[in-house]
């Protein structure tokens, strides 16, 4: 009879092995057998738990999304006010537990797989919609109307872009630099005059 918690341990070992293998070989060249060997389990057990390599990738993505959500909640719990909540979301995205080479490689694999796998695409959409929604809610307390939504979408795009851009960078990830660049963008969005104020100023000068 299997020991209590053994299945959970094996699933986690397979997810960790998936991340490591993707980082070393890429998702396309990785095989279930190789991932299973790295995890210390049989290939048959890996197929039993996840069904296919795509299923294992999606399970890995769900685990990483859950971990990112936990990191974000913990940081937002101590944030006072909407501007601090935006900073908490940004810092969570570039936390040391998140912004690291192996996970960056895994996220690139998610985006590539989403082109052809409906479940991967669904998971990415959930992640993106949640991030934009949380950012938009905070921005709405700082800037009016559609500007809040646009600022949220731009901030989310910067976060994702800086993650994927690191694939081409030399050296280890630089979370402080990434956070500073996103924070600078946020400050510009908050400080920008509204279209109504700009139009009023133009009329006054006319």
N, C-alpha and C. Protein backbone atom coordinates (compact mmCIF):
# COMPACT_ATOMS: atom_id res chain seq x y z
N UNK A 1 0.85 -1.19 0.00
CA UNK A 1 0.00 0.00 0.00
C UNK A 1 0.89 1.24 0.00
N UNK A 2 0.61 2.25 -0.87
CA UNK A 2 1.47 3.42 -0.93
C UNK A 2 1.38 4.25 0.35
N UNK A 3 2.50 4.82 0.70
CA UNK A 3 2.52 5.67 1.90
C UNK A 3 1.69 6.93 1.67
N UNK A 4 1.10 7.44 2.75
CA UNK A 4 0.31 8.66 2.67
C UNK A 4 1.19 9.82 2.20
N UNK A 5 0.71 10.55 1.20
CA UNK A 5 1.45 11.69 0.68
C UNK A 5 2.43 11.34 -0.42
N UNK A 6 2.59 10.04 -0.74
CA UNK A 6 3.56 9.65 -1.76
C UNK A 6 3.15 10.17 -3.14
N UNK A 7 1.86 10.10 -3.45
CA UNK A 7 1.42 10.59 -4.77
C UNK A 7 1.70 12.08 -4.91
N UNK A 8 1.41 12.85 -3.86
CA UNK A 8 1.68 14.29 -3.91
C UNK A 8 3.17 14.55 -4.10
N UNK A 9 3.98 13.79 -3.40
CA UNK A 9 5.44 13.94 -3.52
C UNK A 9 5.90 13.62 -4.93
N UNK A 10 5.38 12.54 -5.51
CA UNK A 10 5.78 12.15 -6.86
C UNK A 10 5.33 13.16 -7.90
N UNK A 11 4.11 13.67 -7.76
CA UNK A 11 3.62 14.69 -8.69
C UNK A 11 4.51 15.94 -8.64
N UNK A 12 4.86 16.34 -7.42
CA UNK A 12 5.72 17.53 -7.28
C UNK A 12 7.10 17.26 -7.88
N UNK A 13 7.62 16.05 -7.69
CA UNK A 13 8.92 15.71 -8.26
C UNK A 13 8.87 15.76 -9.78
N UNK A 14 7.76 15.32 -10.38
CA UNK A 14 7.62 15.37 -11.83
C UNK A 14 7.50 16.80 -12.34
N UNK A 15 6.81 17.64 -11.59
CA UNK A 15 6.71 19.06 -11.97
C UNK A 15 8.07 19.73 -11.90
N UNK A 16 8.80 19.49 -10.82
CA UNK A 16 10.15 20.06 -10.70
C UNK A 16 11.05 19.56 -11.83
N UNK A 17 10.93 18.29 -12.15
CA UNK A 17 11.74 17.72 -13.22
C UNK A 17 11.35 18.31 -14.57
N UNK A 18 10.08 18.61 -14.76
CA UNK A 18 9.62 19.23 -16.01
C UNK A 18 10.27 20.59 -16.19
N UNK A 19 10.26 21.40 -15.14
CA UNK A 19 10.86 22.73 -15.20
C UNK A 19 12.35 22.63 -15.52
N UNK A 20 13.05 21.73 -14.83
CA UNK A 20 14.49 21.58 -15.04
C UNK A 20 14.81 21.09 -16.44
N UNK A 21 14.02 20.15 -16.94
CA UNK A 21 14.28 19.59 -18.26
C UNK A 21 13.98 20.61 -19.36
N UNK A 22 12.89 21.36 -19.22
CA UNK A 22 12.59 22.41 -20.19
C UNK A 22 13.73 23.42 -20.24
N UNK A 23 14.26 23.77 -19.08
CA UNK A 23 15.33 24.76 -19.03
C UNK A 23 16.58 24.25 -19.74
N UNK A 24 16.88 22.98 -19.58
CA UNK A 24 18.09 22.42 -20.16
C UNK A 24 17.94 22.06 -21.63
N UNK A 25 16.77 21.53 -22.02
CA UNK A 25 16.62 20.96 -23.36
C UNK A 25 15.52 21.59 -24.20
N UNK A 26 14.65 22.38 -23.57
CA UNK A 26 13.49 22.88 -24.28
C UNK A 26 12.36 21.87 -24.23
N UNK A 27 11.13 22.36 -24.30
CA UNK A 27 9.98 21.47 -24.17
C UNK A 27 9.87 20.51 -25.35
N UNK A 28 10.20 21.00 -26.55
CA UNK A 28 10.08 20.17 -27.74
C UNK A 28 10.95 18.94 -27.69
N UNK A 29 12.16 19.05 -27.16
CA UNK A 29 13.10 17.93 -27.11
C UNK A 29 12.95 17.07 -25.86
N UNK A 30 12.23 17.56 -24.88
CA UNK A 30 12.05 16.78 -23.65
C UNK A 30 11.09 15.62 -23.90
N UNK A 31 11.30 14.51 -23.22
CA UNK A 31 10.40 13.36 -23.31
C UNK A 31 9.87 13.02 -21.92
N UNK A 32 8.73 12.36 -21.91
CA UNK A 32 8.16 11.94 -20.63
C UNK A 32 9.11 11.00 -19.90
N UNK A 33 9.77 10.12 -20.67
CA UNK A 33 10.70 9.17 -20.06
C UNK A 33 11.85 9.89 -19.39
N UNK A 34 12.39 10.91 -20.05
CA UNK A 34 13.50 11.67 -19.48
C UNK A 34 13.07 12.41 -18.22
N UNK A 35 11.91 13.04 -18.29
CA UNK A 35 11.40 13.77 -17.13
C UNK A 35 11.16 12.80 -15.96
N UNK A 36 10.59 11.64 -16.27
CA UNK A 36 10.33 10.65 -15.22
C UNK A 36 11.62 10.17 -14.56
N UNK A 37 12.64 9.93 -15.39
CA UNK A 37 13.94 9.50 -14.82
C UNK A 37 14.50 10.57 -13.90
N UNK A 38 14.41 11.80 -14.31
CA UNK A 38 14.92 12.89 -13.48
C UNK A 38 14.16 12.98 -12.17
N UNK A 39 12.86 12.67 -12.22
CA UNK A 39 12.02 12.73 -11.01
C UNK A 39 12.17 11.48 -10.15
N UNK A 40 12.80 10.45 -10.69
CA UNK A 40 12.97 9.22 -9.92
C UNK A 40 11.75 8.34 -9.90
N UNK A 41 10.91 8.43 -10.95
CA UNK A 41 9.72 7.58 -11.04
C UNK A 41 9.70 6.91 -12.41
N UNK A 42 8.79 5.98 -12.61
CA UNK A 42 8.70 5.29 -13.89
C UNK A 42 7.96 6.14 -14.91
N UNK A 43 8.26 5.92 -16.19
CA UNK A 43 7.53 6.61 -17.24
C UNK A 43 6.06 6.29 -17.22
N UNK A 44 5.73 5.03 -16.87
CA UNK A 44 4.33 4.64 -16.80
C UNK A 44 3.57 5.42 -15.74
N UNK A 45 4.22 5.70 -14.61
CA UNK A 45 3.58 6.46 -13.55
C UNK A 45 3.34 7.90 -13.98
N UNK A 46 4.31 8.48 -14.71
CA UNK A 46 4.15 9.85 -15.20
C UNK A 46 2.94 9.92 -16.14
N UNK A 47 2.80 8.94 -17.02
CA UNK A 47 1.64 8.91 -17.92
C UNK A 47 0.35 8.69 -17.14
N UNK A 48 0.41 7.87 -16.10
CA UNK A 48 -0.78 7.62 -15.28
C UNK A 48 -1.26 8.90 -14.61
N UNK A 49 -0.33 9.71 -14.10
CA UNK A 49 -0.70 10.94 -13.39
C UNK A 49 -1.17 12.03 -14.35
N UNK A 50 -0.51 12.19 -15.49
CA UNK A 50 -0.74 13.37 -16.32
C UNK A 50 -1.21 13.08 -17.75
N UNK A 51 -1.16 11.82 -18.17
CA UNK A 51 -1.72 11.46 -19.46
C UNK A 51 -0.81 11.67 -20.65
N UNK A 52 -0.14 12.80 -20.72
CA UNK A 52 0.70 13.14 -21.86
C UNK A 52 1.69 14.22 -21.45
N UNK A 53 2.62 14.51 -22.35
CA UNK A 53 3.58 15.57 -22.07
C UNK A 53 2.87 16.92 -21.97
N UNK A 54 1.88 17.14 -22.82
CA UNK A 54 1.11 18.39 -22.75
C UNK A 54 0.37 18.48 -21.42
N UNK A 55 -0.18 17.35 -20.96
CA UNK A 55 -0.86 17.35 -19.67
C UNK A 55 0.09 17.66 -18.53
N UNK A 56 1.30 17.14 -18.62
CA UNK A 56 2.31 17.43 -17.59
C UNK A 56 2.70 18.91 -17.62
N UNK A 57 2.83 19.47 -18.83
CA UNK A 57 3.16 20.90 -18.93
C UNK A 57 2.05 21.75 -18.31
N UNK A 58 0.80 21.40 -18.58
CA UNK A 58 -0.31 22.17 -18.02
C UNK A 58 -0.39 22.03 -16.50
N UNK A 59 -0.09 20.84 -16.00
CA UNK A 59 -0.06 20.65 -14.54
C UNK A 59 1.06 21.49 -13.93
N UNK A 60 2.19 21.56 -14.61
CA UNK A 60 3.29 22.40 -14.15
C UNK A 60 2.88 23.86 -14.14
N UNK A 61 2.17 24.28 -15.17
CA UNK A 61 1.71 25.66 -15.23
C UNK A 61 0.73 25.98 -14.10
N UNK A 62 -0.19 25.06 -13.84
CA UNK A 62 -1.14 25.29 -12.74
C UNK A 62 -0.41 25.43 -11.41
N UNK A 63 0.60 24.60 -11.20
CA UNK A 63 1.37 24.68 -9.96
C UNK A 63 2.08 26.02 -9.85
N UNK A 64 2.71 26.48 -10.94
CA UNK A 64 3.44 27.75 -10.90
C UNK A 64 2.49 28.93 -10.73
N UNK A 65 1.32 28.85 -11.36
CA UNK A 65 0.33 29.92 -11.20
C UNK A 65 -0.17 29.99 -9.76
N UNK A 66 -0.39 28.83 -9.16
CA UNK A 66 -0.81 28.79 -7.75
C UNK A 66 0.26 29.39 -6.85
N UNK A 67 1.52 29.07 -7.14
CA UNK A 67 2.63 29.61 -6.35
C UNK A 67 2.73 31.12 -6.52
N UNK A 68 2.55 31.61 -7.75
CA UNK A 68 2.59 33.05 -8.00
C UNK A 68 1.43 33.75 -7.29
N UNK A 69 0.26 33.14 -7.31
CA UNK A 69 -0.90 33.73 -6.60
C UNK A 69 -0.64 33.83 -5.11
N UNK A 70 -0.02 32.80 -4.54
CA UNK A 70 0.30 32.84 -3.11
C UNK A 70 1.28 33.96 -2.82
N UNK A 71 2.32 34.07 -3.63
CA UNK A 71 3.30 35.14 -3.46
C UNK A 71 2.64 36.51 -3.54
N UNK A 72 1.74 36.68 -4.50
CA UNK A 72 1.06 37.97 -4.69
C UNK A 72 0.17 38.29 -3.50
N UNK A 73 -0.60 37.30 -3.03
CA UNK A 73 -1.49 37.53 -1.89
C UNK A 73 -0.70 37.93 -0.65
N UNK A 74 0.42 37.26 -0.42
CA UNK A 74 1.22 37.57 0.76
C UNK A 74 1.75 39.00 0.70
N UNK A 75 2.18 39.43 -0.47
CA UNK A 75 2.72 40.79 -0.58
C UNK A 75 1.61 41.83 -0.53
N UNK A 76 0.47 41.53 -1.12
CA UNK A 76 -0.64 42.49 -1.10
C UNK A 76 -1.26 42.62 0.28
N UNK A 77 -1.14 41.59 1.10
CA UNK A 77 -1.71 41.64 2.44
C UNK A 77 -1.11 42.76 3.27
N UNK A 78 0.14 43.10 3.02
CA UNK A 78 0.78 44.17 3.77
C UNK A 78 0.79 45.51 3.07
N UNK A 79 0.10 45.60 1.93
CA UNK A 79 0.09 46.84 1.15
C UNK A 79 -1.07 47.73 1.58
N UNK A 80 -0.78 48.98 1.84
CA UNK A 80 -1.81 49.94 2.25
C UNK A 80 -2.05 50.93 1.12
N UNK A 81 -3.24 50.88 0.56
CA UNK A 81 -3.61 51.81 -0.49
C UNK A 81 -3.38 51.22 -1.88
N UNK A 82 -4.05 51.78 -2.89
CA UNK A 82 -3.99 51.23 -4.24
C UNK A 82 -2.60 51.29 -4.87
N UNK A 83 -1.85 52.37 -4.61
CA UNK A 83 -0.52 52.46 -5.22
C UNK A 83 0.41 51.38 -4.65
N UNK A 84 0.30 51.13 -3.36
CA UNK A 84 1.11 50.08 -2.74
C UNK A 84 0.70 48.70 -3.25
N UNK A 85 -0.59 48.52 -3.55
CA UNK A 85 -1.04 47.23 -4.07
C UNK A 85 -0.47 46.98 -5.46
N UNK A 86 -0.38 48.02 -6.27
CA UNK A 86 0.24 47.87 -7.58
C UNK A 86 1.70 47.45 -7.43
N UNK A 87 2.41 48.11 -6.53
CA UNK A 87 3.82 47.76 -6.29
C UNK A 87 3.95 46.33 -5.78
N UNK A 88 3.00 45.89 -4.95
CA UNK A 88 3.04 44.53 -4.43
C UNK A 88 2.89 43.51 -5.56
N UNK A 89 2.00 43.80 -6.50
CA UNK A 89 1.81 42.89 -7.63
C UNK A 89 3.06 42.84 -8.51
N UNK A 90 3.68 43.98 -8.70
CA UNK A 90 4.90 44.04 -9.52
C UNK A 90 6.03 43.27 -8.82
N UNK A 91 6.22 43.55 -7.55
CA UNK A 91 7.33 42.89 -6.83
C UNK A 91 7.12 41.39 -6.74
N UNK A 92 5.85 40.94 -6.63
CA UNK A 92 5.58 39.51 -6.59
C UNK A 92 5.97 38.84 -7.90
N UNK A 93 5.73 39.53 -9.01
CA UNK A 93 6.06 38.97 -10.32
C UNK A 93 7.56 38.78 -10.50
N UNK A 94 8.35 39.60 -9.81
CA UNK A 94 9.80 39.52 -9.95
C UNK A 94 10.48 39.07 -8.66
N UNK A 95 9.72 38.39 -7.81
CA UNK A 95 10.28 37.86 -6.56
C UNK A 95 11.36 36.82 -6.87
N UNK A 96 12.35 36.66 -5.98
CA UNK A 96 13.41 35.67 -6.22
C UNK A 96 12.88 34.26 -6.45
N UNK A 97 11.76 33.92 -5.83
CA UNK A 97 11.19 32.58 -6.03
C UNK A 97 10.53 32.43 -7.39
N UNK A 98 10.29 33.55 -8.07
CA UNK A 98 9.59 33.54 -9.35
C UNK A 98 10.53 33.83 -10.53
N UNK A 99 11.25 34.94 -10.43
CA UNK A 99 12.04 35.44 -11.56
C UNK A 99 13.41 34.78 -11.55
N UNK A 100 13.45 33.54 -12.02
CA UNK A 100 14.69 32.78 -12.05
C UNK A 100 14.76 32.04 -13.39
N UNK A 101 15.98 31.70 -13.85
CA UNK A 101 16.15 31.19 -15.21
C UNK A 101 15.27 30.01 -15.58
N UNK A 102 15.18 29.00 -14.72
CA UNK A 102 14.41 27.80 -15.07
C UNK A 102 12.93 28.12 -15.24
N UNK A 103 12.39 28.99 -14.39
CA UNK A 103 10.97 29.34 -14.50
C UNK A 103 10.72 30.23 -15.72
N UNK A 104 11.68 31.08 -16.06
CA UNK A 104 11.55 31.89 -17.27
C UNK A 104 11.47 30.98 -18.49
N UNK A 105 12.30 29.95 -18.54
CA UNK A 105 12.25 28.98 -19.64
C UNK A 105 10.90 28.27 -19.68
N UNK A 106 10.37 27.93 -18.50
CA UNK A 106 9.07 27.25 -18.45
C UNK A 106 7.97 28.15 -18.98
N UNK A 107 7.99 29.43 -18.59
CA UNK A 107 6.96 30.35 -19.08
C UNK A 107 7.02 30.53 -20.59
N UNK A 108 8.23 30.56 -21.14
CA UNK A 108 8.35 30.65 -22.60
C UNK A 108 7.70 29.42 -23.24
N UNK A 109 7.91 28.24 -22.65
CA UNK A 109 7.28 27.02 -23.16
C UNK A 109 5.77 27.11 -23.09
N UNK A 110 5.24 27.71 -22.02
CA UNK A 110 3.79 27.87 -21.90
C UNK A 110 3.25 28.71 -23.06
N UNK A 111 3.90 29.82 -23.32
CA UNK A 111 3.42 30.71 -24.38
C UNK A 111 3.48 30.02 -25.74
N UNK A 112 4.54 29.28 -26.00
CA UNK A 112 4.66 28.57 -27.28
C UNK A 112 3.60 27.48 -27.40
N UNK A 113 3.39 26.75 -26.30
CA UNK A 113 2.41 25.66 -26.33
C UNK A 113 0.99 26.19 -26.48
N UNK A 114 0.74 27.40 -26.01
CA UNK A 114 -0.61 27.98 -26.08
C UNK A 114 -1.08 28.20 -27.51
N UNK A 115 -0.15 28.25 -28.45
CA UNK A 115 -0.52 28.42 -29.85
C UNK A 115 -1.30 27.21 -30.36
N UNK A 116 -1.02 26.03 -29.81
CA UNK A 116 -1.61 24.81 -30.35
C UNK A 116 -2.41 24.01 -29.33
N UNK A 117 -2.31 24.33 -28.05
CA UNK A 117 -3.00 23.57 -27.02
C UNK A 117 -4.05 24.44 -26.34
N UNK A 118 -5.30 24.03 -26.43
CA UNK A 118 -6.40 24.85 -25.92
C UNK A 118 -6.33 25.03 -24.41
N UNK A 119 -5.93 23.99 -23.68
CA UNK A 119 -5.88 24.09 -22.22
C UNK A 119 -4.78 25.04 -21.76
N UNK A 120 -3.62 24.98 -22.42
CA UNK A 120 -2.54 25.92 -22.09
C UNK A 120 -3.00 27.35 -22.35
N UNK A 121 -3.66 27.54 -23.48
CA UNK A 121 -4.16 28.87 -23.83
C UNK A 121 -5.17 29.35 -22.80
N UNK A 122 -6.05 28.46 -22.35
CA UNK A 122 -7.05 28.83 -21.33
C UNK A 122 -6.37 29.25 -20.03
N UNK A 123 -5.35 28.51 -19.61
CA UNK A 123 -4.65 28.85 -18.37
C UNK A 123 -3.95 30.19 -18.48
N UNK A 124 -3.32 30.47 -19.62
CA UNK A 124 -2.66 31.75 -19.80
C UNK A 124 -3.67 32.89 -19.80
N UNK A 125 -4.82 32.67 -20.40
CA UNK A 125 -5.86 33.71 -20.40
C UNK A 125 -6.34 33.99 -18.99
N UNK A 126 -6.52 32.94 -18.19
CA UNK A 126 -6.94 33.14 -16.80
C UNK A 126 -5.90 33.97 -16.05
N UNK A 127 -4.62 33.59 -16.21
CA UNK A 127 -3.55 34.34 -15.55
C UNK A 127 -3.58 35.81 -15.98
N UNK A 128 -3.67 36.05 -17.28
CA UNK A 128 -3.58 37.43 -17.78
C UNK A 128 -4.79 38.24 -17.34
N UNK A 129 -5.99 37.66 -17.43
CA UNK A 129 -7.19 38.39 -17.03
C UNK A 129 -7.16 38.73 -15.55
N UNK A 130 -6.68 37.80 -14.73
CA UNK A 130 -6.61 38.06 -13.29
C UNK A 130 -5.62 39.17 -12.99
N UNK A 131 -4.46 39.13 -13.65
CA UNK A 131 -3.45 40.17 -13.42
C UNK A 131 -3.98 41.53 -13.84
N UNK A 132 -4.56 41.63 -15.04
CA UNK A 132 -5.08 42.91 -15.53
C UNK A 132 -6.22 43.39 -14.64
N UNK A 133 -7.11 42.48 -14.23
CA UNK A 133 -8.25 42.87 -13.38
C UNK A 133 -7.78 43.43 -12.05
N UNK A 134 -6.81 42.76 -11.41
CA UNK A 134 -6.30 43.24 -10.12
C UNK A 134 -5.60 44.59 -10.27
N UNK A 135 -4.82 44.74 -11.34
CA UNK A 135 -4.15 46.01 -11.58
C UNK A 135 -5.16 47.11 -11.88
N UNK A 136 -6.16 46.80 -12.71
CA UNK A 136 -7.16 47.81 -13.07
C UNK A 136 -7.94 48.29 -11.85
N UNK A 137 -8.23 47.38 -10.94
CA UNK A 137 -8.96 47.76 -9.73
C UNK A 137 -8.14 48.76 -8.90
N UNK A 138 -6.84 48.54 -8.82
CA UNK A 138 -5.99 49.46 -8.08
C UNK A 138 -5.81 50.78 -8.83
N UNK A 139 -5.60 50.71 -10.12
CA UNK A 139 -5.43 51.93 -10.92
C UNK A 139 -6.69 52.79 -10.91
N UNK A 140 -7.86 52.15 -10.83
CA UNK A 140 -9.12 52.90 -10.87
C UNK A 140 -9.24 53.88 -9.71
N UNK A 141 -8.54 53.62 -8.62
CA UNK A 141 -8.56 54.53 -7.48
C UNK A 141 -7.58 55.69 -7.66
N UNK A 142 -6.78 55.62 -8.74
CA UNK A 142 -5.73 56.63 -8.93
C UNK A 142 -5.92 57.46 -10.19
N UNK A 143 -6.47 56.86 -11.23
CA UNK A 143 -6.69 57.58 -12.49
C UNK A 143 -8.06 57.19 -13.04
N UNK A 144 -8.69 58.06 -13.80
CA UNK A 144 -10.09 57.84 -14.17
C UNK A 144 -10.30 56.95 -15.39
N UNK A 145 -11.51 56.41 -15.45
CA UNK A 145 -12.06 55.78 -16.63
C UNK A 145 -11.18 54.76 -17.34
N UNK A 146 -11.19 54.89 -18.68
CA UNK A 146 -10.46 53.96 -19.52
C UNK A 146 -8.96 54.02 -19.29
N UNK A 147 -8.47 55.13 -18.78
CA UNK A 147 -7.03 55.25 -18.53
C UNK A 147 -6.56 54.19 -17.53
N UNK A 148 -7.41 53.88 -16.56
CA UNK A 148 -7.04 52.86 -15.58
C UNK A 148 -6.89 51.50 -16.24
N UNK A 149 -7.83 51.16 -17.11
CA UNK A 149 -7.75 49.88 -17.81
C UNK A 149 -6.53 49.83 -18.72
N UNK A 150 -6.29 50.91 -19.45
CA UNK A 150 -5.13 50.94 -20.35
C UNK A 150 -3.82 50.83 -19.56
N UNK A 151 -3.76 51.51 -18.43
CA UNK A 151 -2.56 51.45 -17.59
C UNK A 151 -2.34 50.03 -17.07
N UNK A 152 -3.43 49.37 -16.69
CA UNK A 152 -3.33 48.00 -16.19
C UNK A 152 -2.84 47.06 -17.29
N UNK A 153 -3.40 47.20 -18.49
CA UNK A 153 -2.97 46.35 -19.60
C UNK A 153 -1.51 46.60 -19.96
N UNK A 154 -1.10 47.88 -19.93
CA UNK A 154 0.29 48.20 -20.23
C UNK A 154 1.25 47.66 -19.18
N UNK A 155 0.85 47.74 -17.92
CA UNK A 155 1.69 47.22 -16.84
C UNK A 155 1.84 45.71 -16.94
N UNK A 156 0.74 45.02 -17.21
CA UNK A 156 0.79 43.56 -17.38
C UNK A 156 1.67 43.19 -18.57
N UNK A 157 1.56 43.95 -19.66
CA UNK A 157 2.38 43.67 -20.84
C UNK A 157 3.86 43.87 -20.54
N UNK A 158 4.18 44.88 -19.75
CA UNK A 158 5.58 45.11 -19.39
C UNK A 158 6.12 43.97 -18.52
N UNK A 159 5.32 43.51 -17.58
CA UNK A 159 5.75 42.41 -16.73
C UNK A 159 6.05 41.17 -17.58
N UNK A 160 5.09 40.80 -18.43
CA UNK A 160 5.29 39.62 -19.27
C UNK A 160 6.46 39.82 -20.23
N UNK A 161 6.56 41.02 -20.80
CA UNK A 161 7.63 41.29 -21.75
C UNK A 161 9.01 41.20 -21.13
N UNK A 162 9.17 41.73 -19.93
CA UNK A 162 10.47 41.67 -19.25
C UNK A 162 10.83 40.24 -18.88
N UNK A 163 9.82 39.45 -18.54
CA UNK A 163 10.08 38.03 -18.27
C UNK A 163 10.63 37.34 -19.51
N UNK A 164 9.91 37.48 -20.61
CA UNK A 164 10.31 36.77 -21.82
C UNK A 164 11.57 37.36 -22.44
N UNK A 165 11.77 38.65 -22.27
CA UNK A 165 12.96 39.30 -22.81
C UNK A 165 14.24 38.73 -22.21
N UNK A 166 14.13 38.24 -20.97
CA UNK A 166 15.33 37.73 -20.32
C UNK A 166 15.88 36.48 -21.01
N UNK A 167 15.06 35.82 -21.82
CA UNK A 167 15.54 34.66 -22.57
C UNK A 167 16.77 35.05 -23.40
N UNK A 168 16.81 36.31 -23.87
CA UNK A 168 17.90 36.75 -24.74
C UNK A 168 18.98 37.50 -23.99
N UNK A 169 18.83 37.65 -22.67
CA UNK A 169 19.77 38.44 -21.89
C UNK A 169 20.96 37.59 -21.44
N UNK A 170 22.08 38.26 -21.24
CA UNK A 170 23.25 37.60 -20.68
C UNK A 170 23.24 37.78 -19.16
N UNK A 171 23.72 36.79 -18.44
CA UNK A 171 23.80 36.89 -17.00
C UNK A 171 22.50 36.54 -16.32
N UNK A 172 22.50 36.55 -15.00
CA UNK A 172 21.32 36.18 -14.22
C UNK A 172 20.24 37.26 -14.29
N UNK A 173 19.00 36.91 -13.95
CA UNK A 173 17.93 37.91 -13.92
C UNK A 173 18.26 39.04 -12.96
N UNK A 174 17.80 40.22 -13.30
CA UNK A 174 18.01 41.41 -12.47
C UNK A 174 16.65 41.93 -12.02
N UNK A 175 16.09 41.38 -10.96
CA UNK A 175 14.74 41.77 -10.55
C UNK A 175 14.60 43.24 -10.20
N UNK A 176 15.62 43.82 -9.58
CA UNK A 176 15.50 45.24 -9.21
C UNK A 176 15.37 46.12 -10.44
N UNK A 177 16.15 45.83 -11.47
CA UNK A 177 16.06 46.61 -12.70
C UNK A 177 14.70 46.45 -13.35
N UNK A 178 14.20 45.21 -13.36
CA UNK A 178 12.88 44.97 -13.95
C UNK A 178 11.79 45.70 -13.17
N UNK A 179 11.83 45.62 -11.86
CA UNK A 179 10.83 46.31 -11.04
C UNK A 179 10.90 47.81 -11.27
N UNK A 180 12.10 48.36 -11.34
CA UNK A 180 12.24 49.81 -11.55
C UNK A 180 11.63 50.24 -12.88
N UNK A 181 11.84 49.47 -13.91
CA UNK A 181 11.30 49.83 -15.22
C UNK A 181 9.78 49.80 -15.22
N UNK A 182 9.20 48.80 -14.58
CA UNK A 182 7.73 48.74 -14.52
C UNK A 182 7.19 49.85 -13.63
N UNK A 183 7.86 50.11 -12.52
CA UNK A 183 7.41 51.19 -11.62
C UNK A 183 7.49 52.55 -12.33
N UNK A 184 8.52 52.77 -13.13
CA UNK A 184 8.63 54.02 -13.88
C UNK A 184 7.44 54.18 -14.83
N UNK A 185 7.06 53.09 -15.47
CA UNK A 185 5.90 53.13 -16.37
C UNK A 185 4.63 53.47 -15.58
N UNK A 186 4.46 52.83 -14.43
CA UNK A 186 3.28 53.10 -13.60
C UNK A 186 3.23 54.57 -13.20
N UNK A 187 4.35 55.12 -12.78
CA UNK A 187 4.38 56.52 -12.36
C UNK A 187 4.01 57.46 -13.51
N UNK A 188 4.48 57.13 -14.71
CA UNK A 188 4.14 57.97 -15.87
C UNK A 188 2.65 57.91 -16.18
N UNK A 189 2.06 56.73 -16.01
CA UNK A 189 0.62 56.61 -16.26
C UNK A 189 -0.19 57.41 -15.24
N UNK A 190 0.24 57.36 -13.99
CA UNK A 190 -0.49 58.09 -12.95
C UNK A 190 -0.33 59.60 -13.12
N UNK A 191 0.86 60.03 -13.51
CA UNK A 191 1.15 61.47 -13.61
C UNK A 191 0.64 62.09 -14.90
N UNK A 192 0.34 61.29 -15.90
CA UNK A 192 -0.08 61.84 -17.19
C UNK A 192 -1.40 62.59 -17.05
N UNK A 193 -1.51 63.77 -17.68
CA UNK A 193 -2.77 64.52 -17.61
C UNK A 193 -3.88 63.78 -18.35
N UNK A 194 -5.10 63.93 -17.86
CA UNK A 194 -6.23 63.29 -18.53
C UNK A 194 -6.52 64.00 -19.84
N UNK A 195 -7.11 63.32 -20.83
CA UNK A 195 -7.45 63.97 -22.09
C UNK A 195 -8.34 65.20 -21.92
N UNK A 196 -9.26 65.16 -20.94
CA UNK A 196 -10.15 66.30 -20.72
C UNK A 196 -9.35 67.51 -20.26
N UNK A 197 -8.38 67.30 -19.37
CA UNK A 197 -7.56 68.40 -18.88
C UNK A 197 -6.69 68.96 -20.00
N UNK A 198 -6.19 68.08 -20.86
CA UNK A 198 -5.37 68.52 -21.97
C UNK A 198 -6.18 69.34 -22.95
N UNK A 199 -7.40 68.89 -23.24
CA UNK A 199 -8.26 69.64 -24.16
C UNK A 199 -8.62 71.00 -23.59
N UNK A 200 -8.88 71.07 -22.29
CA UNK A 200 -9.21 72.34 -21.65
C UNK A 200 -8.03 73.31 -21.74
N UNK A 201 -6.83 72.78 -21.51
CA UNK A 201 -5.64 73.62 -21.60
C UNK A 201 -5.45 74.16 -23.01
N UNK A 202 -5.71 73.32 -23.99
CA UNK A 202 -5.55 73.74 -25.39
C UNK A 202 -6.56 74.83 -25.74
N UNK A 203 -7.79 74.69 -25.25
CA UNK A 203 -8.82 75.69 -25.52
C UNK A 203 -8.46 77.01 -24.86
N UNK A 204 -7.87 76.90 -23.65
CA UNK A 204 -7.49 78.12 -22.95
C UNK A 204 -6.37 78.86 -23.66
N UNK A 205 -5.53 78.12 -24.39
CA UNK A 205 -4.44 78.75 -25.11
C UNK A 205 -4.85 79.20 -26.52
N UNK A 206 -6.07 78.83 -26.91
CA UNK A 206 -6.49 79.13 -28.28
C UNK A 206 -6.94 80.57 -28.45
